[in-house]
Amino acid sequence: NTKRRAMDVMNNLSKREISAGKHPMALAATVLYVSCLNSGEIKTQTDI
């Protein structure tokens, strides 16, 4: 569920060109962290 939410967020970011020029791994991690927050999955910033 969290992975699917992350894909939706990443697709929206790509469409809005917000991802341009950002470190890909940092952006992926951030999107996953946001998706965890939205889905209620408990993961710390350190985990991600």
All heavy atoms as atom14 arrays in JSON, in Angstrom:
{
  "sequence": "NTKRRAMDVMNNLSKREISAGKHPMALAATVLYVSCLNSGEIKTQTDI",
  "atom14_mask": [
    [1, 1, 1, 1, 1, 1, 1, 1, 0, 0, 0, 0, 0, 0],
    [1, 1, 1, 1, 1, 1, 1, 0, 0, 0, 0, 0, 0, 0],
    [1, 1, 1, 1, 1, 1, 1, 1, 1, 0, 0, 0, 0, 0],
    [1, 1, 1, 1, 1, 1, 1, 1, 1, 1, 1, 0, 0, 0],
    [1, 1, 1, 1, 1, 1, 1, 1, 1, 1, 1, 0, 0, 0],
    [1, 1, 1, 1, 1, 0, 0, 0, 0, 0, 0, 0, 0, 0],
    [1, 1, 1, 1, 1, 1, 1, 1, 0, 0, 0, 0, 0, 0],
    [1, 1, 1, 1, 1, 1, 1, 1, 0, 0, 0, 0, 0, 0],
    [1, 1, 1, 1, 1, 1, 1, 0, 0, 0, 0, 0, 0, 0],
    [1, 1, 1, 1, 1, 1, 1, 1, 0, 0, 0, 0, 0, 0],
    [1, 1, 1, 1, 1, 1, 1, 1, 0, 0, 0, 0, 0, 0],
    [1, 1, 1, 1, 1, 1, 1, 1, 0, 0, 0, 0, 0, 0],
    [1, 1, 1, 1, 1, 1, 1, 1, 0, 0, 0, 0, 0, 0],
    [1, 1, 1, 1, 1, 1, 0, 0, 0, 0, 0, 0, 0, 0],
    [1, 1, 1, 1, 1, 1, 1, 1, 1, 0, 0, 0, 0, 0],
    [1, 1, 1, 1, 1, 1, 1, 1, 1, 1, 1, 0, 0, 0],
    [1, 1, 1, 1, 1, 1, 1, 1, 1, 0, 0, 0, 0, 0],
    [1, 1, 1, 1, 1, 1, 1, 1, 0, 0, 0, 0, 0, 0],
    [1, 1, 1, 1, 1, 1, 0, 0, 0, 0, 0, 0, 0, 0],
    [1, 1, 1, 1, 1, 0, 0, 0, 0, 0, 0, 0, 0, 0],
    [1, 1, 1, 1, 0, 0, 0, 0, 0, 0, 0, 0, 0, 0],
    [1, 1, 1, 1, 1, 1, 1, 1, 1, 0, 0, 0, 0, 0],
    [1, 1, 1, 1, 1, 1, 1, 1, 1, 1, 0, 0, 0, 0],
    [1, 1, 1, 1, 1, 1, 1, 0, 0, 0, 0, 0, 0, 0],
    [1, 1, 1, 1, 1, 1, 1, 1, 0, 0, 0, 0, 0, 0],
    [1, 1, 1, 1, 1, 0, 0, 0, 0, 0, 0, 0, 0, 0],
    [1, 1, 1, 1, 1, 1, 1, 1, 0, 0, 0, 0, 0, 0],
    [1, 1, 1, 1, 1, 0, 0, 0, 0, 0, 0, 0, 0, 0],
    [1, 1, 1, 1, 1, 0, 0, 0, 0, 0, 0, 0, 0, 0],
    [1, 1, 1, 1, 1, 1, 1, 0, 0, 0, 0, 0, 0, 0],
    [1, 1, 1, 1, 1, 1, 1, 0, 0, 0, 0, 0, 0, 0],
    [1, 1, 1, 1, 1, 1, 1, 1, 0, 0, 0, 0, 0, 0],
    [1, 1, 1, 1, 1, 1, 1, 1, 1, 1, 1, 1, 0, 0],
    [1, 1, 1, 1, 1, 1, 1, 0, 0, 0, 0, 0, 0, 0],
    [1, 1, 1, 1, 1, 1, 0, 0, 0, 0, 0, 0, 0, 0],
    [1, 1, 1, 1, 1, 1, 0, 0, 0, 0, 0, 0, 0, 0],
    [1, 1, 1, 1, 1, 1, 1, 1, 0, 0, 0, 0, 0, 0],
    [1, 1, 1, 1, 1, 1, 1, 1, 0, 0, 0, 0, 0, 0],
    [1, 1, 1, 1, 1, 1, 0, 0, 0, 0, 0, 0, 0, 0],
    [1, 1, 1, 1, 0, 0, 0, 0, 0, 0, 0, 0, 0, 0],
    [1, 1, 1, 1, 1, 1, 1, 1, 1, 0, 0, 0, 0, 0],
    [1, 1, 1, 1, 1, 1, 1, 1, 0, 0, 0, 0, 0, 0],
    [1, 1, 1, 1, 1, 1, 1, 1, 1, 0, 0, 0, 0, 0],
    [1, 1, 1, 1, 1, 1, 1, 0, 0, 0, 0, 0, 0, 0],
    [1, 1, 1, 1, 1, 1, 1, 1, 1, 0, 0, 0, 0, 0],
    [1, 1, 1, 1, 1, 1, 1, 0, 0, 0, 0, 0, 0, 0],
    [1, 1, 1, 1, 1, 1, 1, 1, 0, 0, 0, 0, 0, 0],
    [1, 1, 1, 1, 1, 1, 1, 1, 0, 0, 0, 0, 0, 0]
  ],
  "atom14_positions": [
    [[0.83, -1.2, 0.0], [0.0, 0.0, 0.0], [0.87, 1.26, 0.0], [0.63, 2.2, -0.75], [-0.94, -0.01, 1.21], [-1.85, 1.19, 1.24], [-2.36, 1.62, 0.22], [-2.06, 1.73, 2.42], [0.0, 0.0, 0.0], [0.0, 0.0, 0.0], [0.0, 0.0, 0.0], [0.0, 0.0, 0.0], [0.0, 0.0, 0.0], [0.0, 0.0, 0.0]],
    [[1.9, 1.26, 0.81], [2.8, 2.4, 0.88], [3.56, 2.57, -0.43], [3.73, 3.69, -0.92], [3.8, 2.22, 2.05], [3.05, 2.09, 3.26], [4.73, 3.4, 2.17], [0.0, 0.0, 0.0], [0.0, 0.0, 0.0], [0.0, 0.0, 0.0], [0.0, 0.0, 0.0], [0.0, 0.0, 0.0], [0.0, 0.0, 0.0], [0.0, 0.0, 0.0]],
    [[3.97, 1.47, -1.03], [4.68, 1.53, -2.32], [3.78, 2.13, -3.4], [4.23, 2.94, -4.21], [5.16, 0.15, -2.74], [6.26, -0.41, -1.88], [6.62, -1.82, -2.35], [7.53, -2.53, -1.4], [7.81, -3.91, -1.8], [0.0, 0.0, 0.0], [0.0, 0.0, 0.0], [0.0, 0.0, 0.0], [0.0, 0.0, 0.0], [0.0, 0.0, 0.0]],
    [[2.51, 1.74, -3.41], [1.58, 2.28, -4.42], [1.36, 3.77, -4.21], [1.34, 4.54, -5.17], [0.25, 1.53, -4.35], [0.27, 0.2, -5.07], [-1.13, -0.37, -5.25], [-1.78, -0.68, -3.97], [-1.62, -1.81, -3.3], [-0.85, -2.76, -3.79], [-2.23, -2.01, -2.16], [0.0, 0.0, 0.0], [0.0, 0.0, 0.0], [0.0, 0.0, 0.0]],
    [[1.21, 4.18, -2.95], [1.07, 5.6, -2.66], [2.3, 6.37, -3.12], [2.2, 7.47, -3.66], [0.85, 5.83, -1.17], [-0.51, 5.45, -0.67], [-0.57, 5.62, 0.85], [-1.82, 5.18, 1.39], [-2.82, 6.0, 1.72], [-2.69, 7.29, 1.59], [-3.93, 5.51, 2.21], [0.0, 0.0, 0.0], [0.0, 0.0, 0.0], [0.0, 0.0, 0.0]],
    [[3.47, 5.79, -2.89], [4.71, 6.44, -3.3], [4.78, 6.61, -4.82], [5.23, 7.66, -5.31], [5.9, 5.64, -2.8], [0.0, 0.0, 0.0], [0.0, 0.0, 0.0], [0.0, 0.0, 0.0], [0.0, 0.0, 0.0], [0.0, 0.0, 0.0], [0.0, 0.0, 0.0], [0.0, 0.0, 0.0], [0.0, 0.0, 0.0], [0.0, 0.0, 0.0]],
    [[4.34, 5.61, -5.55], [4.32, 5.71, -7.01], [3.41, 6.84, -7.46], [3.75, 7.61, -8.37], [3.87, 4.4, -7.65], [4.93, 3.33, -7.65], [6.43, 3.79, -8.53], [5.81, 4.1, -10.15], [0.0, 0.0, 0.0], [0.0, 0.0, 0.0], [0.0, 0.0, 0.0], [0.0, 0.0, 0.0], [0.0, 0.0, 0.0], [0.0, 0.0, 0.0]],
    [[2.25, 6.98, -6.84], [1.32, 8.07, -7.18], [1.95, 9.43, -6.92], [1.86, 10.33, -7.75], [0.01, 7.94, -6.4], [-0.82, 6.75, -6.83], [-0.59, 6.22, -7.94], [-1.69, 6.33, -6.04], [0.0, 0.0, 0.0], [0.0, 0.0, 0.0], [0.0, 0.0, 0.0], [0.0, 0.0, 0.0], [0.0, 0.0, 0.0], [0.0, 0.0, 0.0]],
    [[2.59, 9.57, -5.76], [3.22, 10.84, -5.42], [4.36, 11.15, -6.4], [4.47, 12.27, -6.89], [3.76, 10.83, -3.96], [4.6, 12.06, -3.67], [2.61, 10.73, -2.97], [0.0, 0.0, 0.0], [0.0, 0.0, 0.0], [0.0, 0.0, 0.0], [0.0, 0.0, 0.0], [0.0, 0.0, 0.0], [0.0, 0.0, 0.0], [0.0, 0.0, 0.0]],
    [[5.17, 10.15, -6.71], [6.3, 10.37, -7.63], [5.81, 10.74, -9.02], [6.38, 11.62, -9.67], [7.17, 9.12, -7.69], [8.44, 9.33, -8.48], [9.52, 10.62, -7.85], [10.39, 9.72, -6.6], [0.0, 0.0, 0.0], [0.0, 0.0, 0.0], [0.0, 0.0, 0.0], [0.0, 0.0, 0.0], [0.0, 0.0, 0.0], [0.0, 0.0, 0.0]],
    [[4.74, 10.1, -9.48], [4.18, 10.45, -10.79], [3.69, 11.9, -10.8], [3.91, 12.62, -11.77], [3.05, 9.5, -11.16], [3.55, 8.13, -11.54], [4.69, 7.96, -11.96], [2.71, 7.13, -11.37], [0.0, 0.0, 0.0], [0.0, 0.0, 0.0], [0.0, 0.0, 0.0], [0.0, 0.0, 0.0], [0.0, 0.0, 0.0], [0.0, 0.0, 0.0]],
    [[3.04, 12.32, -9.73], [2.59, 13.71, -9.64], [3.75, 14.68, -9.62], [3.69, 15.74, -10.25], [1.71, 13.92, -8.41], [0.35, 13.29, -8.54], [-0.16, 13.12, -9.65], [-0.24, 12.89, -7.43], [0.0, 0.0, 0.0], [0.0, 0.0, 0.0], [0.0, 0.0, 0.0], [0.0, 0.0, 0.0], [0.0, 0.0, 0.0], [0.0, 0.0, 0.0]],
    [[4.8, 14.35, -8.91], [5.99, 15.2, -8.87], [6.63, 15.32, -10.25], [7.04, 16.4, -10.67], [7.01, 14.67, -7.87], [6.67, 14.78, -6.4], [7.74, 14.09, -5.56], [6.53, 16.23, -5.98], [0.0, 0.0, 0.0], [0.0, 0.0, 0.0], [0.0, 0.0, 0.0], [0.0, 0.0, 0.0], [0.0, 0.0, 0.0], [0.0, 0.0, 0.0]],
    [[6.7, 14.2, -10.94], [7.31, 14.2, -12.27], [6.49, 15.04, -13.25], [7.06, 15.79, -14.05], [7.43, 12.78, -12.8], [8.33, 12.05, -12.02], [0.0, 0.0, 0.0], [0.0, 0.0, 0.0], [0.0, 0.0, 0.0], [0.0, 0.0, 0.0], [0.0, 0.0, 0.0], [0.0, 0.0, 0.0], [0.0, 0.0, 0.0], [0.0, 0.0, 0.0]],
    [[5.18, 14.93, -13.18], [4.31, 15.72, -14.06], [4.47, 17.21, -13.81], [4.42, 18.01, -14.72], [2.85, 15.32, -13.86], [2.5, 13.98, -14.44], [1.05, 13.63, -14.16], [0.75, 12.21, -14.56], [-0.59, 11.79, -14.16], [0.0, 0.0, 0.0], [0.0, 0.0, 0.0], [0.0, 0.0, 0.0], [0.0, 0.0, 0.0], [0.0, 0.0, 0.0]],
    [[4.66, 17.57, -12.55], [4.81, 18.98, -12.19], [6.25, 19.45, -12.26], [6.55, 20.58, -11.94], [4.25, 19.2, -10.79], [2.74, 18.93, -10.74], [2.19, 18.97, -9.36], [2.16, 20.33, -8.84], [1.67, 20.67, -7.67], [1.16, 19.74, -6.9], [1.67, 21.92, -7.26], [0.0, 0.0, 0.0], [0.0, 0.0, 0.0], [0.0, 0.0, 0.0]],
    [[7.14, 18.56, -12.69], [8.56, 18.84, -12.87], [9.24, 19.33, -11.59], [10.21, 20.08, -11.64], [8.78, 19.82, -14.02], [8.3, 19.26, -15.34], [8.52, 20.2, -16.51], [9.04, 21.3, -16.3], [8.16, 19.81, -17.62], [0.0, 0.0, 0.0], [0.0, 0.0, 0.0], [0.0, 0.0, 0.0], [0.0, 0.0, 0.0], [0.0, 0.0, 0.0]],
    [[8.71, 18.9, -10.45], [9.32, 19.27, -9.17], [10.57, 18.44, -8.92], [11.47, 18.86, -8.21], [8.29, 19.12, -8.03], [7.19, 20.16, -8.22], [8.93, 19.24, -6.67], [6.04, 20.04, -7.27], [0.0, 0.0, 0.0], [0.0, 0.0, 0.0], [0.0, 0.0, 0.0], [0.0, 0.0, 0.0], [0.0, 0.0, 0.0], [0.0, 0.0, 0.0]],
    [[10.64, 17.29, -9.55], [11.77, 16.39, -9.3], [13.03, 16.79, -10.05], [14.1, 16.26, -9.78], [11.37, 14.96, -9.69], [11.06, 14.89, -11.06], [0.0, 0.0, 0.0], [0.0, 0.0, 0.0], [0.0, 0.0, 0.0], [0.0, 0.0, 0.0], [0.0, 0.0, 0.0], [0.0, 0.0, 0.0], [0.0, 0.0, 0.0], [0.0, 0.0, 0.0]],
    [[12.95, 17.72, -10.97], [14.1, 18.11, -11.78], [15.22, 18.68, -10.91], [15.0, 19.53, -10.06], [13.69, 19.14, -12.82], [0.0, 0.0, 0.0], [0.0, 0.0, 0.0], [0.0, 0.0, 0.0], [0.0, 0.0, 0.0], [0.0, 0.0, 0.0], [0.0, 0.0, 0.0], [0.0, 0.0, 0.0], [0.0, 0.0, 0.0], [0.0, 0.0, 0.0]],
    [[16.42, 18.15, -11.12], [17.59, 18.66, -10.43], [17.79, 18.17, -9.01], [18.7, 18.6, -8.33], [0.0, 0.0, 0.0], [0.0, 0.0, 0.0], [0.0, 0.0, 0.0], [0.0, 0.0, 0.0], [0.0, 0.0, 0.0], [0.0, 0.0, 0.0], [0.0, 0.0, 0.0], [0.0, 0.0, 0.0], [0.0, 0.0, 0.0], [0.0, 0.0, 0.0]],
    [[16.96, 17.28, -8.55], [17.08, 16.75, -7.19], [17.83, 15.42, -7.22], [17.76, 14.68, -8.19], [15.7, 16.54, -6.55], [14.85, 17.78, -6.48], [15.46, 18.81, -5.57], [14.56, 20.04, -5.5], [15.24, 21.16, -4.9], [0.0, 0.0, 0.0], [0.0, 0.0, 0.0], [0.0, 0.0, 0.0], [0.0, 0.0, 0.0], [0.0, 0.0, 0.0]],
    [[18.55, 15.14, -6.15], [19.25, 13.87, -6.02], [18.22, 12.75, -6.05], [17.32, 12.72, -5.2], [20.04, 13.86, -4.71], [20.88, 12.66, -4.53], [20.4, 11.49, -3.99], [22.18, 12.43, -4.83], [21.36, 10.6, -3.96], [22.45, 11.14, -4.46], [0.0, 0.0, 0.0], [0.0, 0.0, 0.0], [0.0, 0.0, 0.0], [0.0, 0.0, 0.0]],
    [[18.28, 11.85, -7.02], [17.23, 10.85, -7.19], [16.98, 9.98, -5.96], [15.83, 9.7, -5.62], [17.73, 9.99, -8.36], [18.77, 10.78, -9.03], [19.33, 11.73, -8.03], [0.0, 0.0, 0.0], [0.0, 0.0, 0.0], [0.0, 0.0, 0.0], [0.0, 0.0, 0.0], [0.0, 0.0, 0.0], [0.0, 0.0, 0.0], [0.0, 0.0, 0.0]],
    [[18.03, 9.55, -5.29], [17.85, 8.68, -4.13], [17.22, 9.45, -2.97], [16.38, 8.91, -2.25], [19.19, 8.08, -3.71], [19.06, 6.8, -2.97], [18.13, 5.5, -3.8], [19.35, 4.81, -4.85], [0.0, 0.0, 0.0], [0.0, 0.0, 0.0], [0.0, 0.0, 0.0], [0.0, 0.0, 0.0], [0.0, 0.0, 0.0], [0.0, 0.0, 0.0]],
    [[17.6, 10.71, -2.81], [17.02, 11.53, -1.75], [15.54, 11.78, -2.02], [14.71, 11.73, -1.1], [17.76, 12.86, -1.64], [0.0, 0.0, 0.0], [0.0, 0.0, 0.0], [0.0, 0.0, 0.0], [0.0, 0.0, 0.0], [0.0, 0.0, 0.0], [0.0, 0.0, 0.0], [0.0, 0.0, 0.0], [0.0, 0.0, 0.0], [0.0, 0.0, 0.0]],
    [[15.2, 12.03, -3.27], [13.8, 12.27, -3.61], [12.98, 11.0, -3.42], [11.88, 11.04, -2.86], [13.68, 12.77, -5.05], [12.3, 13.2, -5.48], [11.78, 14.36, -4.61], [12.3, 13.62, -6.94], [0.0, 0.0, 0.0], [0.0, 0.0, 0.0], [0.0, 0.0, 0.0], [0.0, 0.0, 0.0], [0.0, 0.0, 0.0], [0.0, 0.0, 0.0]],
    [[13.52, 9.87, -3.85], [12.81, 8.59, -3.67], [12.58, 8.31, -2.19], [11.48, 7.9, -1.78], [13.6, 7.45, -4.31], [0.0, 0.0, 0.0], [0.0, 0.0, 0.0], [0.0, 0.0, 0.0], [0.0, 0.0, 0.0], [0.0, 0.0, 0.0], [0.0, 0.0, 0.0], [0.0, 0.0, 0.0], [0.0, 0.0, 0.0], [0.0, 0.0, 0.0]],
    [[13.6, 8.53, -1.38], [13.46, 8.3, 0.07], [12.41, 9.22, 0.67], [11.6, 8.79, 1.5], [14.81, 8.51, 0.75], [0.0, 0.0, 0.0], [0.0, 0.0, 0.0], [0.0, 0.0, 0.0], [0.0, 0.0, 0.0], [0.0, 0.0, 0.0], [0.0, 0.0, 0.0], [0.0, 0.0, 0.0], [0.0, 0.0, 0.0], [0.0, 0.0, 0.0]],
    [[12.41, 10.46, 0.25], [11.44, 11.43, 0.78], [10.02, 11.05, 0.4], [9.11, 11.11, 1.23], [11.77, 12.84, 0.28], [13.12, 13.15, 0.63], [10.84, 13.87, 0.88], [0.0, 0.0, 0.0], [0.0, 0.0, 0.0], [0.0, 0.0, 0.0], [0.0, 0.0, 0.0], [0.0, 0.0, 0.0], [0.0, 0.0, 0.0], [0.0, 0.0, 0.0]],
    [[9.83, 10.65, -0.83], [8.5, 10.23, -1.28], [8.05, 9.0, -0.49], [6.89, 8.91, -0.09], [8.51, 9.96, -2.8], [7.26, 9.21, -3.24], [8.66, 11.27, -3.56], [0.0, 0.0, 0.0], [0.0, 0.0, 0.0], [0.0, 0.0, 0.0], [0.0, 0.0, 0.0], [0.0, 0.0, 0.0], [0.0, 0.0, 0.0], [0.0, 0.0, 0.0]],
    [[8.95, 8.09, -0.23], [8.6, 6.92, 0.57], [8.24, 7.32, 2.0], [7.29, 6.79, 2.57], [9.74, 5.9, 0.57], [9.94, 5.17, -0.75], [11.25, 4.4, -0.72], [8.78, 4.24, -1.04], [0.0, 0.0, 0.0], [0.0, 0.0, 0.0], [0.0, 0.0, 0.0], [0.0, 0.0, 0.0], [0.0, 0.0, 0.0], [0.0, 0.0, 0.0]],
    [[8.99, 8.25, 2.55], [8.7, 8.71, 3.91], [7.32, 9.37, 3.97], [6.52, 9.09, 4.88], [9.79, 9.68, 4.38], [9.55, 10.2, 5.77], [9.63, 9.36, 6.88], [9.24, 11.54, 5.98], [9.39, 9.84, 8.16], [9.01, 12.03, 7.26], [9.09, 11.17, 8.34], [8.86, 11.65, 9.6], [0.0, 0.0, 0.0], [0.0, 0.0, 0.0]],
    [[7.03, 10.23, 3.02], [5.71, 10.88, 2.96], [4.61, 9.84, 2.81], [3.56, 9.94, 3.45], [5.66, 11.9, 1.8], [4.25, 12.38, 1.52], [6.58, 13.09, 2.09], [0.0, 0.0, 0.0], [0.0, 0.0, 0.0], [0.0, 0.0, 0.0], [0.0, 0.0, 0.0], [0.0, 0.0, 0.0], [0.0, 0.0, 0.0], [0.0, 0.0, 0.0]],
    [[4.85, 8.84, 1.99], [3.86, 7.78, 1.8], [3.63, 6.98, 3.06], [2.5, 6.58, 3.35], [4.3, 6.87, 0.65], [4.37, 7.61, -0.54], [0.0, 0.0, 0.0], [0.0, 0.0, 0.0], [0.0, 0.0, 0.0], [0.0, 0.0, 0.0], [0.0, 0.0, 0.0], [0.0, 0.0, 0.0], [0.0, 0.0, 0.0], [0.0, 0.0, 0.0]],
    [[4.69, 6.78, 3.83], [4.54, 6.1, 5.13], [3.66, 6.93, 6.05], [2.77, 6.4, 6.73], [5.9, 5.88, 5.79], [6.88, 4.57, 5.06], [0.0, 0.0, 0.0], [0.0, 0.0, 0.0], [0.0, 0.0, 0.0], [0.0, 0.0, 0.0], [0.0, 0.0, 0.0], [0.0, 0.0, 0.0], [0.0, 0.0, 0.0], [0.0, 0.0, 0.0]],
    [[3.9, 8.22, 6.1], [3.09, 9.1, 6.94], [1.62, 9.06, 6.52], [0.73, 9.0, 7.37], [3.61, 10.54, 6.86], [5.0, 10.82, 7.42], [5.39, 12.27, 7.16], [5.07, 10.5, 8.9], [0.0, 0.0, 0.0], [0.0, 0.0, 0.0], [0.0, 0.0, 0.0], [0.0, 0.0, 0.0], [0.0, 0.0, 0.0], [0.0, 0.0, 0.0]],
    [[1.38, 9.08, 5.21], [0.01, 9.09, 4.7], [-0.71, 7.76, 4.89], [-1.92, 7.73, 5.05], [-0.01, 9.48, 3.22], [0.37, 10.93, 3.01], [0.27, 11.75, 3.9], [0.82, 11.24, 1.81], [0.0, 0.0, 0.0], [0.0, 0.0, 0.0], [0.0, 0.0, 0.0], [0.0, 0.0, 0.0], [0.0, 0.0, 0.0], [0.0, 0.0, 0.0]],
    [[0.04, 6.67, 4.84], [-0.6, 5.36, 4.94], [-0.68, 4.85, 6.38], [-1.32, 3.84, 6.64], [0.15, 4.34, 4.08], [1.42, 4.06, 4.64], [0.0, 0.0, 0.0], [0.0, 0.0, 0.0], [0.0, 0.0, 0.0], [0.0, 0.0, 0.0], [0.0, 0.0, 0.0], [0.0, 0.0, 0.0], [0.0, 0.0, 0.0], [0.0, 0.0, 0.0]],
    [[0.01, 5.54, 7.29], [0.0, 5.1, 8.67], [1.04, 4.04, 8.99], [1.08, 3.52, 10.11], [0.0, 0.0, 0.0], [0.0, 0.0, 0.0], [0.0, 0.0, 0.0], [0.0, 0.0, 0.0], [0.0, 0.0, 0.0], [0.0, 0.0, 0.0], [0.0, 0.0, 0.0], [0.0, 0.0, 0.0], [0.0, 0.0, 0.0], [0.0, 0.0, 0.0]],
    [[1.9, 3.74, 8.02], [2.96, 2.76, 8.28], [4.04, 3.46, 9.11], [4.49, 4.55, 8.78], [3.56, 2.26, 6.96], [4.58, 1.17, 7.18], [4.96, 0.43, 5.9], [4.39, 0.7, 4.84], [5.82, -0.45, 6.01], [0.0, 0.0, 0.0], [0.0, 0.0, 0.0], [0.0, 0.0, 0.0], [0.0, 0.0, 0.0], [0.0, 0.0, 0.0]],
    [[4.45, 2.82, 10.17], [5.38, 3.44, 11.1], [6.82, 3.12, 10.7], [7.29, 1.99, 10.9], [5.11, 2.99, 12.54], [3.69, 3.4, 12.93], [6.14, 3.58, 13.49], [3.23, 2.85, 14.25], [0.0, 0.0, 0.0], [0.0, 0.0, 0.0], [0.0, 0.0, 0.0], [0.0, 0.0, 0.0], [0.0, 0.0, 0.0], [0.0, 0.0, 0.0]],
    [[7.48, 4.11, 10.13], [8.89, 4.03, 9.79], [9.51, 5.37, 10.16], [8.92, 6.43, 9.93], [9.12, 3.78, 8.3], [8.66, 2.42, 7.82], [9.53, 1.32, 8.35], [9.04, -0.04, 7.89], [9.87, -1.12, 8.35], [0.0, 0.0, 0.0], [0.0, 0.0, 0.0], [0.0, 0.0, 0.0], [0.0, 0.0, 0.0], [0.0, 0.0, 0.0]],
    [[10.69, 5.33, 10.73], [11.36, 6.58, 11.12], [12.14, 7.14, 9.93], [12.39, 6.44, 8.94], [12.34, 6.34, 12.28], [13.38, 5.46, 11.83], [11.63, 5.74, 13.49], [0.0, 0.0, 0.0], [0.0, 0.0, 0.0], [0.0, 0.0, 0.0], [0.0, 0.0, 0.0], [0.0, 0.0, 0.0], [0.0, 0.0, 0.0], [0.0, 0.0, 0.0]],
    [[12.53, 8.4, 10.08], [13.38, 9.0, 9.06], [14.69, 8.21, 8.94], [15.2, 8.02, 7.84], [13.69, 10.46, 9.41], [12.49, 11.36, 9.27], [12.79, 12.79, 9.67], [13.87, 13.1, 10.16], [11.83, 13.67, 9.45], [0.0, 0.0, 0.0], [0.0, 0.0, 0.0], [0.0, 0.0, 0.0], [0.0, 0.0, 0.0], [0.0, 0.0, 0.0]],
    [[15.17, 7.73, 10.06], [16.4, 6.93, 10.05], [16.22, 5.65, 9.26], [17.1, 5.27, 8.47], [16.82, 6.6, 11.5], [16.98, 7.81, 12.23], [18.12, 5.81, 11.53], [0.0, 0.0, 0.0], [0.0, 0.0, 0.0], [0.0, 0.0, 0.0], [0.0, 0.0, 0.0], [0.0, 0.0, 0.0], [0.0, 0.0, 0.0], [0.0, 0.0, 0.0]],
    [[15.08, 4.97, 9.43], [14.81, 3.74, 8.69], [14.88, 3.98, 7.18], [15.52, 3.24, 6.44], [13.42, 3.18, 9.02], [13.27, 2.72, 10.45], [14.29, 2.37, 11.08], [12.12, 2.72, 10.94], [0.0, 0.0, 0.0], [0.0, 0.0, 0.0], [0.0, 0.0, 0.0], [0.0, 0.0, 0.0], [0.0, 0.0, 0.0], [0.0, 0.0, 0.0]],
    [[14.2, 5.03, 6.74], [14.13, 5.33, 5.31], [15.47, 5.82, 4.79], [15.93, 5.39, 3.72], [13.02, 6.37, 5.02], [11.66, 5.87, 5.53], [12.96, 6.7, 3.53], [11.13, 4.63, 4.86], [0.0, 0.0, 0.0], [0.0, 0.0, 0.0], [0.0, 0.0, 0.0], [0.0, 0.0, 0.0], [0.0, 0.0, 0.0], [0.0, 0.0, 0.0]]
  ]
}
